[in-house]
Amino acid sequence: MCKNMPPLELAIQFHGHVCPGLLIGVRAAELAQKHLDITQDYDEELIAIVETDSCGVDAIQAILGCTFGKGNLIFNDYGKNVYTIASREKGRAVRIAQRFGATAFRESERFRQLNRKDSLSEEEAAEKENLIGVLFEKIMTMPPDELFAWEDVEFKVPDKAQIHATLQCADCGEGVMETRSHNTEAGILCTPCCQKRGGEAGV
């Protein structure tokens, strides 16, 4: 993926297609960049805490460079379009929350109806494509304060991700990160094997 692409193109290439949820993430990422005066992360200079696992998170990963693999993307499963972005260098963090009903356009409901269908007729496929264009224009041109509420927040910056030893599970034989293993009477167990044994407490 070419880092010199515009933010929107980065997000679309990463996600695979354009959809309203991705566009929300693009707008949130761009707002964070402007508010904190930051660029794309290279080595955990940024941290993102996301409260949803929806499409917008792909934009956060693609544009800001916060990913699970680098350890600077933290997922809180709250089902809210909320993104907290922190900069180690700036010592600042901003919490960006999508305003309730901000994208409750008439076209949004129809798009969701079509998106839930297993198959579309040619007419419906064309309608869906047209709706994406309409929603793209609306979401990408909305004033930021109509789309989001945001505020600077106190943020305890976590240590950078550490590389831990890999241990072998006594049951399945697979490798498990030391910090995720369970030391039981049966030996070192990974979480699934520990659960199969009734959730023996880890030490």
N, C-alpha and C. Protein backbone atom coordinates (compact mmCIF):
# COMPACT_ATOMS: atom_id res chain seq x y z
N MET A 1 0.85 -1.19 0.00
CA MET A 1 0.00 0.00 0.00
C MET A 1 0.89 1.24 0.00
N CYS A 2 0.63 2.13 -0.94
CA CYS A 2 1.46 3.33 -1.09
C CYS A 2 1.08 4.38 -0.05
N LYS A 3 2.03 4.75 0.81
CA LYS A 3 1.74 5.71 1.88
C LYS A 3 1.54 7.12 1.35
N ASN A 4 1.96 7.37 0.09
CA ASN A 4 1.81 8.71 -0.46
C ASN A 4 0.42 8.97 -1.04
N MET A 5 -0.45 7.98 -0.96
CA MET A 5 -1.81 8.16 -1.43
C MET A 5 -2.55 9.16 -0.55
N PRO A 6 -3.54 9.87 -1.09
CA PRO A 6 -4.41 10.68 -0.24
C PRO A 6 -5.11 9.78 0.78
N PRO A 7 -5.49 10.33 1.94
CA PRO A 7 -6.11 9.52 3.00
C PRO A 7 -7.30 8.68 2.52
N LEU A 8 -8.18 9.28 1.75
CA LEU A 8 -9.35 8.55 1.28
C LEU A 8 -8.95 7.34 0.45
N GLU A 9 -8.00 7.50 -0.44
CA GLU A 9 -7.57 6.38 -1.28
C GLU A 9 -6.89 5.30 -0.46
N LEU A 10 -6.11 5.71 0.54
CA LEU A 10 -5.50 4.72 1.44
C LEU A 10 -6.57 3.85 2.09
N ALA A 11 -7.61 4.51 2.59
CA ALA A 11 -8.67 3.79 3.30
C ALA A 11 -9.43 2.85 2.36
N ILE A 12 -9.75 3.32 1.17
CA ILE A 12 -10.50 2.49 0.22
C ILE A 12 -9.67 1.28 -0.20
N GLN A 13 -8.38 1.50 -0.47
CA GLN A 13 -7.54 0.37 -0.86
C GLN A 13 -7.44 -0.65 0.26
N PHE A 14 -7.31 -0.18 1.49
CA PHE A 14 -7.20 -1.08 2.64
C PHE A 14 -8.51 -1.85 2.87
N HIS A 15 -9.63 -1.13 2.80
CA HIS A 15 -10.93 -1.72 3.11
C HIS A 15 -11.50 -2.55 1.96
N GLY A 16 -11.20 -2.14 0.75
CA GLY A 16 -11.66 -2.91 -0.41
C GLY A 16 -12.81 -2.29 -1.17
N HIS A 17 -13.55 -1.40 -0.55
CA HIS A 17 -14.66 -0.74 -1.22
C HIS A 17 -15.05 0.52 -0.45
N VAL A 18 -15.92 1.32 -1.06
CA VAL A 18 -16.41 2.52 -0.39
C VAL A 18 -17.75 2.21 0.27
N CYS A 19 -17.91 2.64 1.51
CA CYS A 19 -19.20 2.51 2.19
C CYS A 19 -19.31 3.64 3.21
N PRO A 20 -20.52 3.95 3.67
CA PRO A 20 -20.69 5.06 4.62
C PRO A 20 -19.84 4.91 5.88
N GLY A 21 -19.76 3.70 6.42
CA GLY A 21 -18.98 3.51 7.64
C GLY A 21 -17.52 3.83 7.46
N LEU A 22 -16.96 3.44 6.33
CA LEU A 22 -15.56 3.75 6.06
C LEU A 22 -15.35 5.25 5.99
N LEU A 23 -16.30 5.95 5.37
CA LEU A 23 -16.18 7.40 5.22
C LEU A 23 -16.20 8.11 6.58
N ILE A 24 -16.99 7.58 7.51
CA ILE A 24 -17.00 8.15 8.87
C ILE A 24 -15.60 8.03 9.47
N GLY A 25 -14.97 6.87 9.30
CA GLY A 25 -13.63 6.68 9.81
C GLY A 25 -12.62 7.60 9.15
N VAL A 26 -12.78 7.83 7.84
CA VAL A 26 -11.89 8.75 7.13
C VAL A 26 -11.99 10.15 7.73
N ARG A 27 -13.21 10.60 7.94
CA ARG A 27 -13.41 11.93 8.49
C ARG A 27 -12.83 12.03 9.91
N ALA A 28 -13.01 10.97 10.71
CA ALA A 28 -12.48 10.97 12.08
C ALA A 28 -10.95 11.00 12.07
N ALA A 29 -10.34 10.21 11.19
CA ALA A 29 -8.88 10.18 11.11
C ALA A 29 -8.33 11.53 10.67
N GLU A 30 -8.98 12.14 9.69
CA GLU A 30 -8.52 13.44 9.22
C GLU A 30 -8.69 14.52 10.29
N LEU A 31 -9.78 14.43 11.05
CA LEU A 31 -9.99 15.37 12.14
C LEU A 31 -8.90 15.23 13.19
N ALA A 32 -8.57 13.99 13.53
CA ALA A 32 -7.51 13.74 14.51
C ALA A 32 -6.17 14.30 14.02
N GLN A 33 -5.87 14.09 12.75
CA GLN A 33 -4.62 14.60 12.19
C GLN A 33 -4.54 16.12 12.30
N LYS A 34 -5.63 16.76 11.97
CA LYS A 34 -5.65 18.23 12.01
C LYS A 34 -5.61 18.74 13.45
N HIS A 35 -6.40 18.15 14.32
CA HIS A 35 -6.51 18.62 15.69
C HIS A 35 -5.20 18.44 16.46
N LEU A 36 -4.54 17.30 16.24
CA LEU A 36 -3.31 17.00 16.98
C LEU A 36 -2.05 17.38 16.20
N ASP A 37 -2.23 17.79 14.95
CA ASP A 37 -1.10 18.12 14.08
C ASP A 37 -0.15 16.93 13.98
N ILE A 38 -0.71 15.81 13.50
CA ILE A 38 0.05 14.56 13.41
C ILE A 38 0.00 14.03 11.97
N THR A 39 0.94 13.14 11.68
CA THR A 39 0.93 12.42 10.41
C THR A 39 0.78 10.94 10.70
N GLN A 40 0.92 10.13 9.67
CA GLN A 40 0.74 8.69 9.84
C GLN A 40 1.80 8.10 10.77
N ASP A 41 1.39 7.17 11.60
CA ASP A 41 2.28 6.51 12.55
C ASP A 41 3.30 5.64 11.82
N TYR A 42 4.51 5.62 12.37
CA TYR A 42 5.55 4.72 11.84
C TYR A 42 5.91 3.65 12.86
N ASP A 43 6.16 4.05 14.10
CA ASP A 43 6.59 3.08 15.11
C ASP A 43 5.95 3.40 16.45
N GLU A 44 4.63 3.35 16.49
CA GLU A 44 3.86 3.53 17.72
C GLU A 44 3.94 4.94 18.29
N GLU A 45 4.16 5.95 17.42
CA GLU A 45 4.09 7.32 17.90
C GLU A 45 2.65 7.68 18.28
N LEU A 46 1.70 6.99 17.62
CA LEU A 46 0.28 7.23 17.88
C LEU A 46 -0.34 6.01 18.52
N ILE A 47 -1.42 6.25 19.25
CA ILE A 47 -2.24 5.17 19.80
C ILE A 47 -3.69 5.48 19.47
N ALA A 48 -4.44 4.47 19.04
CA ALA A 48 -5.86 4.65 18.78
C ALA A 48 -6.66 3.69 19.64
N ILE A 49 -7.65 4.22 20.33
CA ILE A 49 -8.61 3.38 21.05
C ILE A 49 -9.94 3.52 20.32
N VAL A 50 -10.43 2.42 19.82
CA VAL A 50 -11.69 2.44 19.06
C VAL A 50 -12.76 1.69 19.84
N GLU A 51 -13.98 2.19 19.76
CA GLU A 51 -15.07 1.59 20.53
C GLU A 51 -16.08 0.87 19.64
N THR A 52 -15.64 0.51 18.44
CA THR A 52 -16.46 -0.22 17.48
C THR A 52 -15.54 -1.11 16.66
N ASP A 53 -16.11 -2.15 16.07
CA ASP A 53 -15.34 -2.98 15.13
C ASP A 53 -15.91 -2.83 13.72
N SER A 54 -16.54 -1.70 13.45
CA SER A 54 -17.17 -1.48 12.15
C SER A 54 -16.16 -0.93 11.14
N CYS A 55 -16.66 -0.65 9.95
CA CYS A 55 -15.80 -0.29 8.81
C CYS A 55 -14.88 0.89 9.08
N GLY A 56 -15.32 1.85 9.88
CA GLY A 56 -14.53 3.04 10.13
C GLY A 56 -13.16 2.75 10.72
N VAL A 57 -13.03 1.65 11.43
CA VAL A 57 -11.74 1.32 12.04
C VAL A 57 -10.68 1.03 10.98
N ASP A 58 -11.11 0.53 9.83
CA ASP A 58 -10.15 0.29 8.75
C ASP A 58 -9.53 1.60 8.27
N ALA A 59 -10.32 2.66 8.29
CA ALA A 59 -9.78 3.97 7.92
C ALA A 59 -8.76 4.45 8.95
N ILE A 60 -9.02 4.19 10.22
CA ILE A 60 -8.08 4.57 11.28
C ILE A 60 -6.76 3.83 11.07
N GLN A 61 -6.84 2.55 10.74
CA GLN A 61 -5.62 1.77 10.51
C GLN A 61 -4.86 2.27 9.29
N ALA A 62 -5.58 2.48 8.19
CA ALA A 62 -4.93 2.84 6.93
C ALA A 62 -4.36 4.25 6.97
N ILE A 63 -5.10 5.19 7.53
CA ILE A 63 -4.68 6.60 7.49
C ILE A 63 -3.73 6.96 8.62
N LEU A 64 -4.04 6.49 9.82
CA LEU A 64 -3.20 6.84 10.97
C LEU A 64 -2.10 5.83 11.24
N GLY A 65 -2.21 4.64 10.68
CA GLY A 65 -1.17 3.64 10.88
C GLY A 65 -1.22 2.96 12.23
N CYS A 66 -2.36 3.00 12.90
CA CYS A 66 -2.53 2.31 14.18
C CYS A 66 -3.13 0.93 13.89
N THR A 67 -2.41 -0.12 14.23
CA THR A 67 -2.85 -1.47 13.88
C THR A 67 -2.69 -2.43 15.06
N PHE A 68 -3.42 -3.53 14.99
CA PHE A 68 -3.28 -4.56 16.02
C PHE A 68 -1.87 -5.13 16.02
N GLY A 69 -1.31 -5.31 14.82
CA GLY A 69 0.02 -5.91 14.71
C GLY A 69 1.10 -5.10 15.39
N LYS A 70 0.98 -3.78 15.37
CA LYS A 70 1.97 -2.92 16.03
C LYS A 70 1.65 -2.71 17.50
N GLY A 71 0.46 -3.11 17.90
CA GLY A 71 0.09 -2.98 19.31
C GLY A 71 -0.40 -1.60 19.69
N ASN A 72 -0.67 -0.74 18.70
CA ASN A 72 -1.14 0.61 19.04
C ASN A 72 -2.57 0.86 18.59
N LEU A 73 -3.31 -0.23 18.37
CA LEU A 73 -4.75 -0.15 18.15
C LEU A 73 -5.42 -0.96 19.26
N ILE A 74 -6.21 -0.28 20.08
CA ILE A 74 -6.87 -0.92 21.22
C ILE A 74 -8.37 -0.92 20.96
N PHE A 75 -8.99 -2.09 21.09
CA PHE A 75 -10.41 -2.24 20.80
C PHE A 75 -11.21 -2.43 22.08
N ASN A 76 -12.11 -1.49 22.32
CA ASN A 76 -13.09 -1.63 23.40
C ASN A 76 -14.44 -1.89 22.75
N ASP A 77 -15.02 -3.04 23.01
CA ASP A 77 -16.24 -3.47 22.32
C ASP A 77 -17.48 -2.81 22.93
N TYR A 78 -17.66 -1.51 22.67
CA TYR A 78 -18.78 -0.76 23.22
C TYR A 78 -19.87 -0.50 22.18
N GLY A 79 -19.62 -0.81 20.91
CA GLY A 79 -20.61 -0.57 19.87
C GLY A 79 -20.89 0.90 19.62
N LYS A 80 -19.87 1.75 19.78
CA LYS A 80 -20.03 3.19 19.59
C LYS A 80 -19.01 3.70 18.58
N ASN A 81 -19.45 4.58 17.69
CA ASN A 81 -18.52 5.17 16.73
C ASN A 81 -17.73 6.27 17.43
N VAL A 82 -16.81 5.83 18.26
CA VAL A 82 -15.96 6.73 19.05
C VAL A 82 -14.52 6.31 18.86
N TYR A 83 -13.67 7.31 18.63
CA TYR A 83 -12.25 7.06 18.37
C TYR A 83 -11.42 8.02 19.23
N THR A 84 -10.56 7.47 20.07
CA THR A 84 -9.64 8.30 20.84
C THR A 84 -8.26 8.12 20.26
N ILE A 85 -7.67 9.22 19.82
CA ILE A 85 -6.36 9.18 19.20
C ILE A 85 -5.39 9.96 20.07
N ALA A 86 -4.26 9.33 20.39
CA ALA A 86 -3.26 9.96 21.25
C ALA A 86 -1.91 10.01 20.55
N SER A 87 -1.16 11.06 20.83
CA SER A 87 0.18 11.23 20.28
C SER A 87 1.19 11.22 21.42
N ARG A 88 2.15 10.28 21.37
CA ARG A 88 3.20 10.25 22.39
C ARG A 88 4.02 11.53 22.33
N GLU A 89 4.38 11.94 21.12
CA GLU A 89 5.25 13.10 20.94
C GLU A 89 4.59 14.38 21.43
N LYS A 90 3.30 14.54 21.12
CA LYS A 90 2.60 15.77 21.51
C LYS A 90 2.13 15.74 22.96
N GLY A 91 2.01 14.52 23.52
CA GLY A 91 1.49 14.40 24.87
C GLY A 91 0.03 14.80 24.94
N ARG A 92 -0.70 14.56 23.85
CA ARG A 92 -2.10 14.97 23.77
C ARG A 92 -2.95 13.83 23.23
N ALA A 93 -4.24 13.90 23.55
CA ALA A 93 -5.19 12.92 23.02
C ALA A 93 -6.52 13.61 22.76
N VAL A 94 -7.21 13.17 21.73
CA VAL A 94 -8.53 13.71 21.40
C VAL A 94 -9.51 12.55 21.28
N ARG A 95 -10.69 12.74 21.86
CA ARG A 95 -11.77 11.75 21.77
C ARG A 95 -12.80 12.29 20.78
N ILE A 96 -13.05 11.53 19.73
CA ILE A 96 -13.94 11.93 18.64
C ILE A 96 -15.14 10.98 18.62
N ALA A 97 -16.33 11.54 18.79
CA ALA A 97 -17.54 10.72 18.83
C ALA A 97 -18.51 11.18 17.74
N GLN A 98 -19.01 10.23 16.96
CA GLN A 98 -20.00 10.58 15.95
C GLN A 98 -21.28 11.03 16.65
N ARG A 99 -21.82 12.14 16.21
CA ARG A 99 -23.07 12.65 16.79
C ARG A 99 -24.23 11.72 16.44
N PHE A 100 -25.08 11.48 17.42
CA PHE A 100 -26.24 10.60 17.20
C PHE A 100 -27.12 11.21 16.11
N GLY A 101 -27.46 10.41 15.12
CA GLY A 101 -28.35 10.85 14.05
C GLY A 101 -27.69 11.72 13.00
N ALA A 102 -26.39 11.91 13.09
CA ALA A 102 -25.71 12.82 12.16
C ALA A 102 -25.82 12.36 10.71
N THR A 103 -25.86 11.06 10.49
CA THR A 103 -25.94 10.54 9.12
C THR A 103 -27.26 9.81 8.87
N ALA A 104 -28.29 10.22 9.60
CA ALA A 104 -29.61 9.58 9.42
C ALA A 104 -30.34 10.19 8.22
N PHE A 105 -29.69 10.10 7.07
CA PHE A 105 -30.29 10.60 5.86
C PHE A 105 -31.33 9.61 5.34
N ARG A 106 -32.24 10.10 4.55
CA ARG A 106 -33.22 9.20 3.92
C ARG A 106 -32.51 8.12 3.11
N GLU A 107 -31.45 8.51 2.44
CA GLU A 107 -30.70 7.55 1.62
C GLU A 107 -29.99 6.49 2.45
N SER A 108 -29.67 6.82 3.69
CA SER A 108 -28.96 5.87 4.54
C SER A 108 -29.80 4.64 4.83
N GLU A 109 -31.07 4.84 5.13
CA GLU A 109 -31.94 3.72 5.44
C GLU A 109 -32.13 2.82 4.23
N ARG A 110 -32.30 3.42 3.07
CA ARG A 110 -32.46 2.62 1.85
C ARG A 110 -31.18 1.86 1.55
N PHE A 111 -30.03 2.49 1.76
CA PHE A 111 -28.76 1.81 1.54
C PHE A 111 -28.64 0.59 2.45
N ARG A 112 -29.02 0.75 3.72
CA ARG A 112 -28.95 -0.38 4.65
C ARG A 112 -29.89 -1.50 4.23
N GLN A 113 -31.07 -1.14 3.74
CA GLN A 113 -32.01 -2.16 3.27
C GLN A 113 -31.40 -2.98 2.14
N LEU A 114 -30.81 -2.31 1.18
CA LEU A 114 -30.20 -3.00 0.05
C LEU A 114 -28.98 -3.80 0.49
N ASN A 115 -28.23 -3.26 1.43
CA ASN A 115 -27.00 -3.91 1.89
C ASN A 115 -27.30 -5.20 2.64
N ARG A 116 -28.49 -5.30 3.23
CA ARG A 116 -28.86 -6.51 3.98
C ARG A 116 -29.32 -7.64 3.07
N LYS A 117 -29.60 -7.35 1.82
CA LYS A 117 -30.10 -8.37 0.90
C LYS A 117 -28.96 -9.25 0.42
N ASP A 118 -29.26 -10.55 0.30
CA ASP A 118 -28.25 -11.51 -0.15
C ASP A 118 -27.90 -11.31 -1.62
N SER A 119 -28.87 -10.94 -2.41
CA SER A 119 -28.62 -10.70 -3.84
C SER A 119 -29.48 -9.53 -4.30
N LEU A 120 -28.97 -8.82 -5.29
CA LEU A 120 -29.66 -7.64 -5.81
C LEU A 120 -29.96 -7.81 -7.29
N SER A 121 -31.08 -7.27 -7.69
CA SER A 121 -31.38 -7.22 -9.11
C SER A 121 -30.48 -6.17 -9.76
N GLU A 122 -30.46 -6.12 -11.06
CA GLU A 122 -29.64 -5.12 -11.74
C GLU A 122 -30.08 -3.71 -11.35
N GLU A 123 -31.39 -3.52 -11.23
CA GLU A 123 -31.92 -2.21 -10.85
C GLU A 123 -31.50 -1.84 -9.44
N GLU A 124 -31.57 -2.82 -8.53
CA GLU A 124 -31.19 -2.55 -7.15
C GLU A 124 -29.69 -2.29 -7.02
N ALA A 125 -28.89 -3.04 -7.79
CA ALA A 125 -27.44 -2.82 -7.76
C ALA A 125 -27.10 -1.41 -8.23
N ALA A 126 -27.80 -0.97 -9.28
CA ALA A 126 -27.57 0.38 -9.79
C ALA A 126 -28.02 1.42 -8.77
N GLU A 127 -29.15 1.14 -8.11
CA GLU A 127 -29.66 2.06 -7.08
C GLU A 127 -28.66 2.16 -5.93
N LYS A 128 -28.12 1.02 -5.52
CA LYS A 128 -27.16 1.02 -4.41
C LYS A 128 -25.91 1.82 -4.77
N GLU A 129 -25.45 1.64 -6.00
CA GLU A 129 -24.27 2.38 -6.46
C GLU A 129 -24.54 3.88 -6.44
N ASN A 130 -25.73 4.26 -6.86
CA ASN A 130 -26.11 5.67 -6.86
C ASN A 130 -26.19 6.21 -5.43
N LEU A 131 -26.73 5.40 -4.52
CA LEU A 131 -26.84 5.82 -3.13
C LEU A 131 -25.47 6.04 -2.50
N ILE A 132 -24.51 5.18 -2.84
CA ILE A 132 -23.16 5.35 -2.32
C ILE A 132 -22.61 6.70 -2.74
N GLY A 133 -22.87 7.06 -4.00
CA GLY A 133 -22.40 8.36 -4.48
C GLY A 133 -23.03 9.52 -3.73
N VAL A 134 -24.33 9.41 -3.47
CA VAL A 134 -25.04 10.46 -2.74
C VAL A 134 -24.52 10.57 -1.31
N LEU A 135 -24.40 9.42 -0.65
CA LEU A 135 -23.93 9.42 0.73
C LEU A 135 -22.47 9.86 0.83
N PHE A 136 -21.67 9.49 -0.16
CA PHE A 136 -20.28 9.94 -0.20
C PHE A 136 -20.23 11.47 -0.18
N GLU A 137 -21.02 12.07 -1.04
CA GLU A 137 -21.02 13.53 -1.14
C GLU A 137 -21.47 14.17 0.17
N LYS A 138 -22.51 13.61 0.78
CA LYS A 138 -23.04 14.19 2.01
C LYS A 138 -22.06 14.05 3.17
N ILE A 139 -21.51 12.84 3.36
CA ILE A 139 -20.63 12.59 4.50
C ILE A 139 -19.31 13.34 4.37
N MET A 140 -18.77 13.35 3.17
CA MET A 140 -17.44 13.96 2.99
C MET A 140 -17.48 15.48 2.95
N THR A 141 -18.67 16.07 2.82
CA THR A 141 -18.75 17.53 2.79
C THR A 141 -19.41 18.11 4.04
N MET A 142 -19.85 17.26 4.97
CA MET A 142 -20.46 17.76 6.19
C MET A 142 -19.45 18.54 7.02
N PRO A 143 -19.85 19.66 7.61
CA PRO A 143 -18.95 20.35 8.55
C PRO A 143 -18.59 19.40 9.69
N PRO A 144 -17.33 19.37 10.11
CA PRO A 144 -16.92 18.43 11.15
C PRO A 144 -17.77 18.49 12.41
N ASP A 145 -18.17 19.71 12.82
CA ASP A 145 -18.94 19.82 14.07
C ASP A 145 -20.37 19.33 13.94
N GLU A 146 -20.84 19.10 12.72
CA GLU A 146 -22.15 18.48 12.54
C GLU A 146 -22.05 16.96 12.57
N LEU A 147 -20.89 16.46 12.22
CA LEU A 147 -20.68 15.02 12.16
C LEU A 147 -20.16 14.46 13.48
N PHE A 148 -19.32 15.22 14.16
CA PHE A 148 -18.67 14.74 15.37
C PHE A 148 -18.74 15.75 16.52
N ALA A 149 -18.61 15.20 17.72
CA ALA A 149 -18.28 16.00 18.90
C ALA A 149 -16.89 15.53 19.31
N TRP A 150 -15.99 16.45 19.67
CA TRP A 150 -14.66 16.03 20.07
C TRP A 150 -14.13 16.91 21.18
N GLU A 151 -13.23 16.33 21.96
CA GLU A 151 -12.63 17.05 23.08
C GLU A 151 -11.27 16.46 23.41
N ASP A 152 -10.39 17.31 23.90
CA ASP A 152 -9.11 16.82 24.40
C ASP A 152 -9.36 16.07 25.70
N VAL A 153 -8.67 14.97 25.86
CA VAL A 153 -8.86 14.14 27.05
C VAL A 153 -7.52 13.78 27.66
N GLU A 154 -7.54 13.52 28.97
CA GLU A 154 -6.35 13.01 29.65
C GLU A 154 -6.15 11.56 29.20
N PHE A 155 -4.93 11.20 28.96
CA PHE A 155 -4.67 9.86 28.44
C PHE A 155 -3.35 9.35 28.98
N LYS A 156 -3.39 8.21 29.65
CA LYS A 156 -2.17 7.58 30.16
C LYS A 156 -1.59 6.74 29.03
N VAL A 157 -0.52 7.22 28.46
CA VAL A 157 0.07 6.54 27.31
C VAL A 157 0.67 5.21 27.75
N PRO A 158 0.23 4.11 27.14
CA PRO A 158 0.78 2.80 27.53
C PRO A 158 2.20 2.63 27.02
N ASP A 159 2.92 1.69 27.63
CA ASP A 159 4.25 1.36 27.13
C ASP A 159 4.13 0.81 25.71
N LYS A 160 5.20 0.94 24.96
CA LYS A 160 5.19 0.37 23.61
C LYS A 160 5.07 -1.15 23.71
N ALA A 161 4.54 -1.73 22.65
CA ALA A 161 4.32 -3.18 22.62
C ALA A 161 5.63 -3.92 22.83
N GLN A 162 5.59 -4.99 23.61
CA GLN A 162 6.76 -5.80 23.90
C GLN A 162 6.67 -7.13 23.18
N ILE A 163 7.82 -7.69 22.86
CA ILE A 163 7.86 -9.03 22.28
C ILE A 163 8.08 -10.01 23.42
N HIS A 164 7.15 -10.94 23.58
CA HIS A 164 7.22 -11.89 24.69
C HIS A 164 7.58 -13.29 24.19
N ALA A 165 8.02 -14.11 25.11
CA ALA A 165 8.39 -15.48 24.77
C ALA A 165 7.15 -16.28 24.37
N THR A 166 7.36 -17.27 23.52
CA THR A 166 6.29 -18.18 23.12
C THR A 166 6.49 -19.50 23.85
N LEU A 167 5.44 -19.96 24.52
CA LEU A 167 5.48 -21.22 25.25
C LEU A 167 4.62 -22.25 24.51
N GLN A 168 4.84 -23.52 24.81
CA GLN A 168 4.05 -24.57 24.17
C GLN A 168 2.94 -25.03 25.09
N CYS A 169 1.73 -25.05 24.55
CA CYS A 169 0.58 -25.53 25.32
C CYS A 169 0.71 -27.03 25.55
N ALA A 170 0.48 -27.46 26.79
CA ALA A 170 0.62 -28.88 27.15
C ALA A 170 -0.47 -29.74 26.52
N ASP A 171 -1.57 -29.14 26.10
CA ASP A 171 -2.65 -29.93 25.51
C ASP A 171 -2.58 -29.97 23.98
N CYS A 172 -2.68 -28.83 23.35
CA CYS A 172 -2.76 -28.81 21.88
C CYS A 172 -1.39 -28.77 21.22
N GLY A 173 -0.36 -28.44 21.97
CA GLY A 173 0.99 -28.40 21.42
C GLY A 173 1.32 -27.15 20.64
N GLU A 174 0.36 -26.23 20.54
CA GLU A 174 0.59 -25.00 19.79
C GLU A 174 1.31 -23.96 20.65
N GLY A 175 1.94 -23.00 19.98
CA GLY A 175 2.62 -21.95 20.70
C GLY A 175 1.64 -20.91 21.21
N VAL A 176 1.91 -20.36 22.38
CA VAL A 176 1.06 -19.33 22.97
C VAL A 176 1.95 -18.27 23.61
N MET A 177 1.61 -17.00 23.41
CA MET A 177 2.37 -15.92 24.02
C MET A 177 2.39 -16.10 25.53
N GLU A 178 3.56 -15.92 26.11
CA GLU A 178 3.73 -16.15 27.55
C GLU A 178 2.71 -15.37 28.38
N THR A 179 2.44 -14.12 28.01
CA THR A 179 1.53 -13.30 28.81
C THR A 179 0.07 -13.71 28.64
N ARG A 180 -0.23 -14.61 27.70
CA ARG A 180 -1.60 -15.09 27.51
C ARG A 180 -1.75 -16.56 27.92
N SER A 181 -0.69 -17.12 28.46
CA SER A 181 -0.73 -18.53 28.86
C SER A 181 -1.26 -18.68 30.28
N HIS A 182 -1.64 -19.90 30.62
CA HIS A 182 -2.18 -20.21 31.96
C HIS A 182 -1.33 -21.32 32.57
N ASN A 183 -0.76 -21.04 33.72
CA ASN A 183 0.05 -22.02 34.42
C ASN A 183 -0.86 -22.82 35.34
N THR A 184 -1.16 -24.05 34.95
CA THR A 184 -2.13 -24.87 35.70
C THR A 184 -1.47 -26.16 36.19
N GLU A 185 -2.24 -26.95 36.93
CA GLU A 185 -1.74 -28.24 37.40
C GLU A 185 -1.44 -29.16 36.23
N ALA A 186 -2.11 -28.95 35.10
CA ALA A 186 -1.88 -29.77 33.92
C ALA A 186 -0.70 -29.27 33.09
N GLY A 187 -0.12 -28.15 33.52
CA GLY A 187 0.99 -27.55 32.79
C GLY A 187 0.58 -26.24 32.16
N ILE A 188 1.42 -25.74 31.27
CA ILE A 188 1.12 -24.49 30.57
C ILE A 188 0.01 -24.75 29.56
N LEU A 189 -1.04 -23.95 29.63
CA LEU A 189 -2.15 -24.11 28.70
C LEU A 189 -2.46 -22.78 28.00
N CYS A 190 -2.89 -22.88 26.74
CA CYS A 190 -3.42 -21.70 26.06
C CYS A 190 -4.84 -21.49 26.58
N THR A 191 -5.41 -20.35 26.30
CA THR A 191 -6.75 -20.03 26.82
C THR A 191 -7.82 -21.02 26.35
N PRO A 192 -7.90 -21.37 25.05
CA PRO A 192 -8.94 -22.34 24.65
C PRO A 192 -8.84 -23.67 25.37
N CYS A 193 -7.60 -24.18 25.52
CA CYS A 193 -7.43 -25.47 26.21
C CYS A 193 -7.75 -25.34 27.69
N CYS A 194 -7.41 -24.21 28.27
CA CYS A 194 -7.73 -23.97 29.67
C CYS A 194 -9.25 -23.95 29.87
N GLN A 195 -9.94 -23.31 28.93
CA GLN A 195 -11.40 -23.25 29.00
C GLN A 195 -12.03 -24.63 28.85
N LYS A 196 -11.46 -25.46 27.98
CA LYS A 196 -11.98 -26.81 27.79
C LYS A 196 -11.85 -27.64 29.07
N ARG A 197 -10.84 -27.31 29.86
CA ARG A 197 -10.64 -28.04 31.12
C ARG A 197 -11.45 -27.43 32.27
N GLY A 198 -12.31 -26.50 31.93
CA GLY A 198 -13.15 -25.91 32.96
C GLY A 198 -12.63 -24.61 33.49
N GLY A 199 -11.70 -24.00 32.76
CA GLY A 199 -11.21 -22.68 33.15
C GLY A 199 -10.35 -22.68 34.38
N GLU A 200 -9.41 -23.66 34.45
CA GLU A 200 -8.50 -23.68 35.59
C GLU A 200 -7.79 -22.34 35.69
N ALA A 201 -7.66 -21.83 36.86
CA ALA A 201 -7.08 -20.50 37.06
C ALA A 201 -5.62 -20.49 36.64
N GLY A 202 -5.26 -19.40 35.94
CA GLY A 202 -3.86 -19.21 35.58
C GLY A 202 -3.12 -18.61 36.74
N VAL A 203 -1.84 -18.82 36.80
CA VAL A 203 -1.01 -18.28 37.87
C VAL A 203 -0.08 -17.22 37.30
